[in-house]
């Protein structure tokens, strides 16, 4: 009897997960670009002693990914909590029907 509710919660969970994946990809692409640039010019970075500067640039590029990951995790947590709540309610409903309450 709770299958449609589970389906709706699963639908919302799939949508939020797709948003999270798309957002994470764009956030980490910027940080990956910094790493790729540093690795391609590895000799130059080491020759001029720019290791710490490249680390700082990478950490600066990761700040949006960290903040965005925290911000986007709240809706996903809520959906997972609703899904577990529906599971618990369906189990309680089934147990009540089995016992005859």
Protein backbone atom coordinates (compact mmCIF):
# COMPACT_ATOMS: atom_id res chain seq x y z
CA UNK A 1 0.00 0.00 0.00
CA UNK A 2 3.00 2.30 0.39
CA UNK A 3 4.60 1.41 -2.93
CA UNK A 4 3.47 4.65 -4.66
CA UNK A 5 4.94 6.70 -1.81
CA UNK A 6 8.22 4.82 -2.13
CA UNK A 7 8.16 5.43 -5.86
CA UNK A 8 7.63 9.17 -5.41
CA UNK A 9 10.42 9.41 -2.85
CA UNK A 10 12.70 7.42 -5.16
CA UNK A 11 11.82 9.73 -8.05
CA UNK A 12 12.77 12.81 -6.03
CA UNK A 13 15.92 11.08 -4.82
CA UNK A 14 16.97 10.32 -8.40
CA UNK A 15 16.42 13.94 -9.42
CA UNK A 16 18.44 15.32 -6.53
CA UNK A 17 21.21 12.79 -7.13
CA UNK A 18 21.43 13.88 -10.78
CA UNK A 19 21.70 17.52 -9.67
CA UNK A 20 24.42 16.64 -7.18
CA UNK A 21 26.44 14.75 -9.79
CA UNK A 22 26.19 17.57 -12.34
CA UNK A 23 27.16 20.18 -9.78
CA UNK A 24 30.07 18.13 -8.42
CA UNK A 25 31.41 17.61 -11.92
CA UNK A 26 31.52 21.34 -12.65
CA UNK A 27 33.04 22.20 -9.25
CA UNK A 28 35.80 19.62 -9.45
CA UNK A 29 36.52 20.38 -13.10
CA UNK A 30 37.93 23.75 -12.10
CA UNK A 31 40.19 22.18 -9.47
CA UNK A 32 41.22 19.50 -11.95
CA UNK A 33 42.22 22.20 -14.41
CA UNK A 34 44.56 23.71 -11.83
CA UNK A 35 46.15 20.32 -11.17
CA UNK A 36 46.51 19.55 -14.86
CA UNK A 37 48.15 22.89 -15.50
CA UNK A 38 50.62 22.37 -12.65
CA UNK A 39 51.50 18.84 -13.73
CA UNK A 40 52.00 19.83 -17.35
CA UNK A 41 54.45 22.53 -16.27
CA UNK A 42 56.01 20.48 -13.49
CA UNK A 43 59.59 21.39 -14.35
CA UNK A 44 58.82 25.09 -14.47
CA UNK A 45 56.94 24.99 -11.17
CA UNK A 46 59.83 23.22 -9.44
CA UNK A 47 62.47 25.40 -11.09
CA UNK A 48 60.89 28.56 -9.76
CA UNK A 49 59.89 27.09 -6.39
CA UNK A 50 56.17 27.49 -6.99
CA UNK A 51 55.01 24.30 -5.32
CA UNK A 52 53.33 26.06 -2.41
CA UNK A 53 51.71 28.58 -4.74
CA UNK A 54 50.21 25.74 -6.80
CA UNK A 55 48.96 24.02 -3.65
CA UNK A 56 47.33 27.28 -2.58
CA UNK A 57 45.72 27.68 -6.01
CA UNK A 58 44.36 24.12 -5.80
CA UNK A 59 42.96 24.65 -2.31
CA UNK A 60 41.40 27.92 -3.47
CA UNK A 61 39.77 26.08 -6.40
CA UNK A 62 38.38 23.46 -4.00
CA UNK A 63 36.54 26.01 -1.83
CA UNK A 64 33.46 26.22 -4.11
CA UNK A 65 33.32 22.43 -4.30
CA UNK A 66 33.43 22.12 -0.52
CA UNK A 67 30.78 24.79 0.07
CA UNK A 68 28.58 23.47 -2.71
CA UNK A 69 28.85 19.92 -1.45
CA UNK A 70 27.71 20.99 2.00
CA UNK A 71 24.87 23.08 0.59
CA UNK A 72 23.57 20.38 -1.75
CA UNK A 73 23.81 17.59 0.83
CA UNK A 74 20.90 18.89 2.91
CA UNK A 75 18.11 18.05 0.42
CA UNK A 76 19.68 14.66 -0.23
CA UNK A 77 19.77 13.91 3.49
CA UNK A 78 16.12 14.89 3.82
CA UNK A 79 15.06 12.61 0.96
CA UNK A 80 17.03 9.68 2.39
CA UNK A 81 15.44 10.32 5.78
CA UNK A 82 11.96 10.29 4.17
CA UNK A 83 12.78 7.06 2.36
CA UNK A 84 13.88 5.35 5.59
CA UNK A 85 10.80 6.75 7.32
CA UNK A 86 8.57 5.19 4.66
CA UNK A 87 10.43 1.88 5.05
CA UNK A 88 9.95 1.94 8.82
CA UNK A 89 6.28 2.89 8.48
CA UNK A 90 5.64 0.12 5.95
CA UNK A 91 7.35 -2.40 8.24
CA UNK A 92 5.25 -1.21 11.19
CA UNK A 93 2.11 -1.43 9.05
CA UNK A 94 2.98 -4.95 7.91
CA UNK A 95 3.82 -6.05 11.45
CA UNK A 96 0.54 -4.62 12.71
CA UNK A 97 -1.41 -6.49 10.04
CA UNK A 98 0.46 -9.71 10.82
CA UNK A 99 -0.18 -9.51 14.55
CA UNK A 100 -3.73 -8.34 13.99
CA UNK A 101 -3.61 -4.98 15.70
